[in-house]
Amino acid sequence: MTTKPIIHFAHANGVPSLVYRKLFDLLSENYQIIFVPLLGPDKR
């Protein structure tokens, strides 16, 4: 079993990470993608 390199995706724009799902799908053949679902949401 070969281990894929890991990409840890932590966005900095307040948009949920799953918006980038198409990008993650493209990268997933060669990388293991780990992401933070949502950073710093404004509760208002």
PDB file of N, CA and C in Angstrom:
ATOM      1  N   MET A   1       0.843  -1.199   0.000  1.00  0.00           N
ATOM      2  CA  MET A   1       0.000   0.000   0.000  1.00  0.00           C
ATOM      3  C   MET A   1       0.882   1.253   0.000  1.00  0.00           C
ATOM      4  N   THR A   2       0.661   2.108  -0.953  1.00  0.00           N
ATOM      5  CA  THR A   2       1.413   3.353  -1.045  1.00  0.00           C
ATOM      6  C   THR A   2       0.624   4.464  -0.370  1.00  0.00           C
ATOM      7  N   THR A   3       1.320   5.237   0.430  1.00  0.00           N
ATOM      8  CA  THR A   3       0.671   6.354   1.111  1.00  0.00           C
ATOM      9  C   THR A   3       0.742   7.592   0.228  1.00  0.00           C
ATOM     10  N   LYS A   4      -0.386   8.252   0.085  1.00  0.00           N
ATOM     11  CA  LYS A   4      -0.435   9.478  -0.708  1.00  0.00           C
ATOM     12  C   LYS A   4       0.044  10.651   0.154  1.00  0.00           C
ATOM     13  N   PRO A   5       0.683  11.639  -0.463  1.00  0.00           N
ATOM     14  CA  PRO A   5       1.001  12.864   0.270  1.00  0.00           C
ATOM     15  C   PRO A   5      -0.305  13.515   0.732  1.00  0.00           C
ATOM     16  N   ILE A   6      -0.230  14.214   1.831  1.00  0.00           N
ATOM     17  CA  ILE A   6      -1.415  14.851   2.411  1.00  0.00           C
ATOM     18  C   ILE A   6      -1.424  16.341   2.086  1.00  0.00           C
ATOM     19  N   ILE A   7      -2.586  16.818   1.679  1.00  0.00           N
ATOM     20  CA  ILE A   7      -2.832  18.254   1.557  1.00  0.00           C
ATOM     21  C   ILE A   7      -3.818  18.612   2.661  1.00  0.00           C
ATOM     22  N   HIS A   8      -3.416  19.530   3.543  1.00  0.00           N
ATOM     23  CA  HIS A   8      -4.319  20.022   4.580  1.00  0.00           C
ATOM     24  C   HIS A   8      -4.810  21.388   4.131  1.00  0.00           C
ATOM     25  N   PHE A   9      -6.088  21.454   3.780  1.00  0.00           N
ATOM     26  CA  PHE A   9      -6.680  22.660   3.224  1.00  0.00           C
ATOM     27  C   PHE A   9      -7.384  23.431   4.330  1.00  0.00           C
ATOM     28  N   ALA A  10      -6.906  24.644   4.588  1.00  0.00           N
ATOM     29  CA  ALA A  10      -7.532  25.523   5.577  1.00  0.00           C
ATOM     30  C   ALA A  10      -7.729  26.882   4.903  1.00  0.00           C
ATOM     31  N   HIS A  11      -8.922  27.116   4.411  1.00  0.00           N
ATOM     32  CA  HIS A  11      -9.219  28.338   3.669  1.00  0.00           C
ATOM     33  C   HIS A  11      -9.161  29.568   4.572  1.00  0.00           C
ATOM     34  N   ALA A  12      -9.095  30.720   3.967  1.00  0.00           N
ATOM     35  CA  ALA A  12      -8.998  31.962   4.747  1.00  0.00           C
ATOM     36  C   ALA A  12     -10.006  32.996   4.253  1.00  0.00           C
ATOM     37  N   ASN A  13     -11.180  32.517   3.831  1.00  0.00           N
ATOM     38  CA  ASN A  13     -12.113  33.472   3.246  1.00  0.00           C
ATOM     39  C   ASN A  13     -13.548  33.365   3.775  1.00  0.00           C
ATOM     40  N   GLY A  14     -13.800  32.525   4.771  1.00  0.00           N
ATOM     41  CA  GLY A  14     -15.138  32.416   5.337  1.00  0.00           C
ATOM     42  C   GLY A  14     -16.105  31.574   4.522  1.00  0.00           C
ATOM     43  N   VAL A  15     -15.663  31.039   3.390  1.00  0.00           N
ATOM     44  CA  VAL A  15     -16.494  30.179   2.557  1.00  0.00           C
ATOM     45  C   VAL A  15     -16.239  28.739   2.985  1.00  0.00           C
ATOM     46  N   PRO A  16     -17.277  27.913   3.136  1.00  0.00           N
ATOM     47  CA  PRO A  16     -17.063  26.521   3.542  1.00  0.00           C
ATOM     48  C   PRO A  16     -16.132  25.784   2.575  1.00  0.00           C
ATOM     49  N   SER A  17     -15.307  24.920   3.117  1.00  0.00           N
ATOM     50  CA  SER A  17     -14.327  24.181   2.307  1.00  0.00           C
ATOM     51  C   SER A  17     -14.962  23.353   1.201  1.00  0.00           C
ATOM     52  N   LEU A  18     -16.165  22.859   1.412  1.00  0.00           N
ATOM     53  CA  LEU A  18     -16.767  21.996   0.399  1.00  0.00           C
ATOM     54  C   LEU A  18     -17.088  22.729  -0.903  1.00  0.00           C
ATOM     55  N   VAL A  19     -16.993  24.054  -0.896  1.00  0.00           N
ATOM     56  CA  VAL A  19     -17.117  24.817  -2.135  1.00  0.00           C
ATOM     57  C   VAL A  19     -15.999  24.393  -3.097  1.00  0.00           C
ATOM     58  N   TYR A  20     -14.903  23.918  -2.524  1.00  0.00           N
ATOM     59  CA  TYR A  20     -13.735  23.508  -3.309  1.00  0.00           C
ATOM     60  C   TYR A  20     -13.756  22.019  -3.646  1.00  0.00           C
ATOM     61  N   ARG A  21     -14.896  21.375  -3.524  1.00  0.00           N
ATOM     62  CA  ARG A  21     -15.008  19.927  -3.742  1.00  0.00           C
ATOM     63  C   ARG A  21     -14.489  19.498  -5.118  1.00  0.00           C
ATOM     64  N   LYS A  22     -14.777  20.252  -6.167  1.00  0.00           N
ATOM     65  CA  LYS A  22     -14.294  19.885  -7.507  1.00  0.00           C
ATOM     66  C   LYS A  22     -12.761  19.839  -7.528  1.00  0.00           C
ATOM     67  N   LEU A  23     -12.135  20.801  -6.882  1.00  0.00           N
ATOM     68  CA  LEU A  23     -10.679  20.810  -6.790  1.00  0.00           C
ATOM     69  C   LEU A  23     -10.197  19.600  -5.995  1.00  0.00           C
ATOM     70  N   PHE A  24     -10.841  19.340  -4.864  1.00  0.00           N
ATOM     71  CA  PHE A  24     -10.461  18.179  -4.042  1.00  0.00           C
ATOM     72  C   PHE A  24     -10.595  16.888  -4.853  1.00  0.00           C
ATOM     73  N   ASP A  25     -11.668  16.771  -5.618  1.00  0.00           N
ATOM     74  CA  ASP A  25     -11.882  15.572  -6.436  1.00  0.00           C
ATOM     75  C   ASP A  25     -10.760  15.397  -7.455  1.00  0.00           C
ATOM     76  N   LEU A  26     -10.338  16.492  -8.072  1.00  0.00           N
ATOM     77  CA  LEU A  26      -9.255  16.422  -9.049  1.00  0.00           C
ATOM     78  C   LEU A  26      -7.935  16.014  -8.406  1.00  0.00           C
ATOM     79  N   LEU A  27      -7.702  16.479  -7.202  1.00  0.00           N
ATOM     80  CA  LEU A  27      -6.444  16.189  -6.504  1.00  0.00           C
ATOM     81  C   LEU A  27      -6.434  14.831  -5.812  1.00  0.00           C
ATOM     82  N   SER A  28      -7.610  14.274  -5.554  1.00  0.00           N
ATOM     83  CA  SER A  28      -7.710  13.079  -4.709  1.00  0.00           C
ATOM     84  C   SER A  28      -7.071  11.825  -5.308  1.00  0.00           C
ATOM     85  N   GLU A  29      -6.843  11.810  -6.610  1.00  0.00           N
ATOM     86  CA  GLU A  29      -6.179  10.646  -7.201  1.00  0.00           C
ATOM     87  C   GLU A  29      -4.731  10.541  -6.726  1.00  0.00           C
ATOM     88  N   ASN A  30      -4.108  11.680  -6.491  1.00  0.00           N
ATOM     89  CA  ASN A  30      -2.693  11.696  -6.117  1.00  0.00           C
ATOM     90  C   ASN A  30      -2.418  12.149  -4.691  1.00  0.00           C
ATOM     91  N   TYR A  31      -3.424  12.695  -4.023  1.00  0.00           N
ATOM     92  CA  TYR A  31      -3.241  13.242  -2.682  1.00  0.00           C
ATOM     93  C   TYR A  31      -4.384  12.833  -1.765  1.00  0.00           C
ATOM     94  N   GLN A  32      -4.070  12.748  -0.489  1.00  0.00           N
ATOM     95  CA  GLN A  32      -5.116  12.607   0.521  1.00  0.00           C
ATOM     96  C   GLN A  32      -5.471  14.030   0.948  1.00  0.00           C
ATOM     97  N   ILE A  33      -6.728  14.391   0.854  1.00  0.00           N
ATOM     98  CA  ILE A  33      -7.173  15.750   1.167  1.00  0.00           C
ATOM     99  C   ILE A  33      -7.818  15.765   2.547  1.00  0.00           C
ATOM    100  N   ILE A  34      -7.309  16.624   3.399  1.00  0.00           N
ATOM    101  CA  ILE A  34      -7.893  16.865   4.720  1.00  0.00           C
ATOM    102  C   ILE A  34      -8.256  18.343   4.740  1.00  0.00           C
ATOM    103  N   PHE A  35      -9.462  18.663   5.217  1.00  0.00           N
ATOM    104  CA  PHE A  35      -9.847  20.071   5.213  1.00  0.00           C
ATOM    105  C   PHE A  35     -10.605  20.445   6.471  1.00  0.00           C
ATOM    106  N   VAL A  36     -10.518  21.723   6.796  1.00  0.00           N
ATOM    107  CA  VAL A  36     -11.281  22.309   7.896  1.00  0.00           C
ATOM    108  C   VAL A  36     -12.626  22.711   7.304  1.00  0.00           C
ATOM    109  N   PRO A  37     -13.745  22.185   7.824  1.00  0.00           N
ATOM    110  CA  PRO A  37     -15.050  22.468   7.211  1.00  0.00           C
ATOM    111  C   PRO A  37     -15.385  23.961   7.124  1.00  0.00           C
ATOM    112  N   LEU A  38     -15.133  24.713   8.191  1.00  0.00           N
ATOM    113  CA  LEU A  38     -15.481  26.140   8.196  1.00  0.00           C
ATOM    114  C   LEU A  38     -14.630  26.836   9.237  1.00  0.00           C
ATOM    115  N   LEU A  39     -13.998  27.920   8.848  1.00  0.00           N
ATOM    116  CA  LEU A  39     -13.165  28.713   9.765  1.00  0.00           C
ATOM    117  C   LEU A  39     -13.794  30.065  10.007  1.00  0.00           C
ATOM    118  N   GLY A  40     -13.837  30.493  11.239  1.00  0.00           N
ATOM    119  CA  GLY A  40     -14.228  31.834  11.588  1.00  0.00           C
ATOM    120  C   GLY A  40     -15.539  32.345  11.067  1.00  0.00           C
ATOM    121  N   PRO A  41     -16.621  31.549  11.122  1.00  0.00           N
ATOM    122  CA  PRO A  41     -17.893  32.072  10.631  1.00  0.00           C
ATOM    123  C   PRO A  41     -18.404  33.209  11.509  1.00  0.00           C
ATOM    124  N   ASP A  42     -18.985  34.174  10.877  1.00  0.00           N
ATOM    125  CA  ASP A  42     -19.592  35.289  11.600  1.00  0.00           C
ATOM    126  C   ASP A  42     -20.992  34.860  12.015  1.00  0.00           C
ATOM    127  N   LYS A  43     -21.258  34.792  13.287  1.00  0.00           N
ATOM    128  CA  LYS A  43     -22.543  34.290  13.816  1.00  0.00           C
ATOM    129  C   LYS A  43     -23.733  35.186  13.433  1.00  0.00           C
ATOM    130  N   ARG A  44     -23.472  36.416  12.940  1.00  0.00           N
ATOM    131  CA  ARG A  44     -24.592  37.278  12.551  1.00  0.00           C
ATOM    132  C   ARG A  44     -25.186  36.720  11.303  1.00  0.00           C
TER     133      ARG A  44
END
